[in-house]
């Protein structure tokens, strides 16, 4: 059954269809939320909230909407509700003990939501720009512009960290 068919069946009260819909999307929604939030526990909580909202919203699903875009629209709103603003200041230096992975997560979380999500889709989920554009409801040029802006900000932060936290404009 197609994803749209699962949503339609779930809207009609078919609990098995809802369960299959959740199983279909859970791995990529979790990966997206983990990237967006940078914390596994927060990502698990956010994934649960996403699918609660999916279950509550299946009756309102518009069949002209791509099912993946619909589910990710909900996940995006949940991520924005949990972390609407950057989590750390730009140019934050890596921790003294060398925990670069944690510093990288904080740097990603410090990006504004619209930049963070394109990095997560492209670099973590490995989506192509056309799929990202379709999911976000923007054109591919906007996806490319956001990726460039995000990568520039991340690189500037790394350069600033290499100079002891000083970031030059």
Protein backbone atom coordinates (compact mmCIF):
# COMPACT_ATOMS: atom_id res chain seq x y z
CA UNK A 1 0.00 0.00 0.00
CA UNK A 2 1.22 3.51 -0.76
CA UNK A 3 1.99 6.01 1.97
CA UNK A 4 -1.03 8.08 0.90
CA UNK A 5 -3.15 4.92 1.08
CA UNK A 6 -1.90 4.25 4.61
CA UNK A 7 -2.90 7.76 5.65
CA UNK A 8 -6.34 7.34 4.09
CA UNK A 9 -6.82 3.99 5.83
CA UNK A 10 -5.60 5.43 9.14
CA UNK A 11 -8.09 8.29 8.75
CA UNK A 12 -10.81 5.68 8.36
CA UNK A 13 -9.82 4.20 11.73
CA UNK A 14 -7.45 1.44 10.61
CA UNK A 15 -4.95 1.17 13.48
CA UNK A 16 -2.76 -1.25 11.51
CA UNK A 17 -2.40 1.30 8.71
CA UNK A 18 -1.39 3.97 11.23
CA UNK A 19 1.16 1.62 12.74
CA UNK A 20 2.59 0.82 9.29
CA UNK A 21 2.73 4.53 8.46
CA UNK A 22 4.70 5.17 11.64
CA UNK A 23 7.06 2.27 10.95
CA UNK A 24 7.61 3.56 7.42
CA UNK A 25 8.59 7.06 8.50
CA UNK A 26 10.07 6.53 11.98
CA UNK A 27 13.71 5.92 10.97
CA UNK A 28 14.04 9.00 8.74
CA UNK A 29 11.97 11.21 11.04
CA UNK A 30 14.19 10.19 13.96
CA UNK A 31 17.37 10.87 11.96
CA UNK A 32 16.01 14.27 10.94
CA UNK A 33 15.01 15.19 14.50
CA UNK A 34 18.31 13.95 15.96
CA UNK A 35 20.13 16.18 13.49
CA UNK A 36 17.86 19.13 14.12
CA UNK A 37 17.93 18.85 17.90
CA UNK A 38 21.38 17.34 18.45
CA UNK A 39 20.19 15.24 21.37
CA UNK A 40 19.00 11.64 21.15
CA UNK A 41 16.57 11.89 24.05
CA UNK A 42 15.03 15.07 22.70
CA UNK A 43 14.83 13.43 19.27
CA UNK A 44 12.97 10.42 20.72
CA UNK A 45 10.53 12.69 22.53
CA UNK A 46 10.09 14.81 19.40
CA UNK A 47 9.50 11.72 17.28
CA UNK A 48 6.76 10.58 19.65
CA UNK A 49 5.17 14.02 19.53
CA UNK A 50 5.42 14.04 15.73
CA UNK A 51 3.54 10.78 15.42
CA UNK A 52 0.95 11.82 18.01
CA UNK A 53 0.29 14.84 15.80
CA UNK A 54 0.25 12.63 12.69
CA UNK A 55 -2.33 10.35 14.32
CA UNK A 56 -4.46 13.32 15.33
CA UNK A 57 -4.18 14.89 11.89
CA UNK A 58 -4.81 11.99 9.50
CA UNK A 59 -8.42 13.08 8.94
CA UNK A 60 -7.19 16.48 7.76
CA UNK A 61 -4.58 15.10 5.34
CA UNK A 62 -4.98 16.57 1.85
CA UNK A 63 -4.44 13.78 -0.68
CA UNK A 64 -2.87 16.26 -3.12
CA UNK A 65 0.01 16.68 -0.67
CA UNK A 66 3.03 14.40 -0.81
CA UNK A 67 2.78 12.12 2.28
CA UNK A 68 6.48 12.51 3.08
CA UNK A 69 6.24 16.31 2.88
CA UNK A 70 3.17 16.19 5.14
CA UNK A 71 4.88 14.07 7.81
CA UNK A 72 8.06 16.15 7.65
CA UNK A 73 6.02 19.34 7.88
CA UNK A 74 4.76 18.07 11.21
CA UNK A 75 8.26 16.99 12.31
CA UNK A 76 9.61 20.43 11.34
CA UNK A 77 6.99 22.16 13.49
CA UNK A 78 7.79 19.87 16.42
CA UNK A 79 11.53 20.59 16.06
CA UNK A 80 10.76 24.30 15.90
CA UNK A 81 8.58 24.06 19.01
CA UNK A 82 11.36 22.33 20.93
CA UNK A 83 14.27 24.42 19.67
CA UNK A 84 12.96 27.58 17.98
CA UNK A 85 16.15 29.56 18.43
CA UNK A 86 19.84 28.75 18.13
CA UNK A 87 21.19 26.66 20.99
CA UNK A 88 24.65 28.17 21.25
CA UNK A 89 26.36 31.36 20.20
CA UNK A 90 28.24 31.55 16.89
CA UNK A 91 31.98 31.14 17.18
CA UNK A 92 31.80 28.93 20.25
CA UNK A 93 35.17 27.29 20.78
CA UNK A 94 35.55 23.52 20.99
CA UNK A 95 35.69 22.10 24.50
CA UNK A 96 39.11 21.78 26.08
CA UNK A 97 38.83 18.00 26.35
CA UNK A 98 38.59 17.68 22.56
CA UNK A 99 34.97 16.54 22.27
CA UNK A 100 34.71 17.70 18.67
CA UNK A 101 31.56 15.68 17.94
CA UNK A 102 29.64 17.47 20.68
CA UNK A 103 31.01 20.82 19.54
CA UNK A 104 29.93 20.05 15.96
CA UNK A 105 26.40 19.20 17.17
CA UNK A 106 26.22 22.47 19.10
CA UNK A 107 27.46 24.38 16.05
CA UNK A 108 24.73 22.82 13.91
CA UNK A 109 22.10 23.58 16.58
CA UNK A 110 23.29 27.19 16.61
CA UNK A 111 22.14 27.69 13.02
CA UNK A 112 18.71 29.22 12.45
CA UNK A 113 16.02 26.58 11.84
CA UNK A 114 15.72 27.16 8.07
CA UNK A 115 19.49 26.69 7.60
CA UNK A 116 19.83 23.81 10.05
CA UNK A 117 17.12 21.77 8.35
CA UNK A 118 18.69 21.91 4.88
CA UNK A 119 22.01 20.74 6.31
CA UNK A 120 20.26 17.88 8.10
CA UNK A 121 18.35 16.84 4.96
CA UNK A 122 21.45 17.08 2.73
CA UNK A 123 24.28 15.92 4.96
CA UNK A 124 22.60 13.54 7.41
CA UNK A 125 19.70 12.12 5.41
CA UNK A 126 21.62 12.44 2.11
CA UNK A 127 18.64 13.84 0.25
CA UNK A 128 19.03 15.44 -3.16
CA UNK A 129 18.13 19.14 -3.53
CA UNK A 130 14.92 18.43 -5.46
CA UNK A 131 13.60 16.23 -2.65
CA UNK A 132 14.56 18.83 -0.04
CA UNK A 133 12.86 21.56 -2.06
CA UNK A 134 9.70 19.51 -2.43
CA UNK A 135 9.57 18.73 1.28
CA UNK A 136 10.17 22.35 2.30
CA UNK A 137 7.90 23.83 -0.37
CA UNK A 138 10.67 25.98 -1.85
CA UNK A 139 12.60 25.88 -5.11
CA UNK A 140 16.01 24.27 -5.55
CA UNK A 141 17.72 27.66 -5.77
CA UNK A 142 16.52 28.48 -2.26
CA UNK A 143 17.80 25.11 -1.04
CA UNK A 144 21.21 25.83 -2.60
CA UNK A 145 21.29 29.34 -1.14
CA UNK A 146 20.39 28.06 2.33
CA UNK A 147 23.04 25.32 2.13
CA UNK A 148 25.68 27.83 1.08
CA UNK A 149 24.69 30.19 3.90
CA UNK A 150 24.73 27.34 6.45
CA UNK A 151 28.09 26.00 5.30
CA UNK A 152 29.55 29.50 5.32
CA UNK A 153 28.36 30.12 8.88
CA UNK A 154 29.68 26.75 10.04
CA UNK A 155 33.04 27.37 8.37
CA UNK A 156 33.24 30.88 9.84
CA UNK A 157 32.57 29.40 13.28
CA UNK A 158 35.33 26.85 12.78
CA UNK A 159 37.77 29.54 11.67
CA UNK A 160 36.79 31.59 14.69
CA UNK A 161 37.35 28.60 16.96
CA UNK A 162 40.79 28.10 15.45
CA UNK A 163 41.65 31.68 16.48
CA UNK A 164 40.58 31.20 20.08
CA UNK A 165 36.96 32.12 19.55
CA UNK A 166 37.48 35.40 17.71
CA UNK A 167 35.15 35.58 14.74
CA UNK A 168 35.80 38.28 12.21
CA UNK A 169 32.93 39.66 10.13
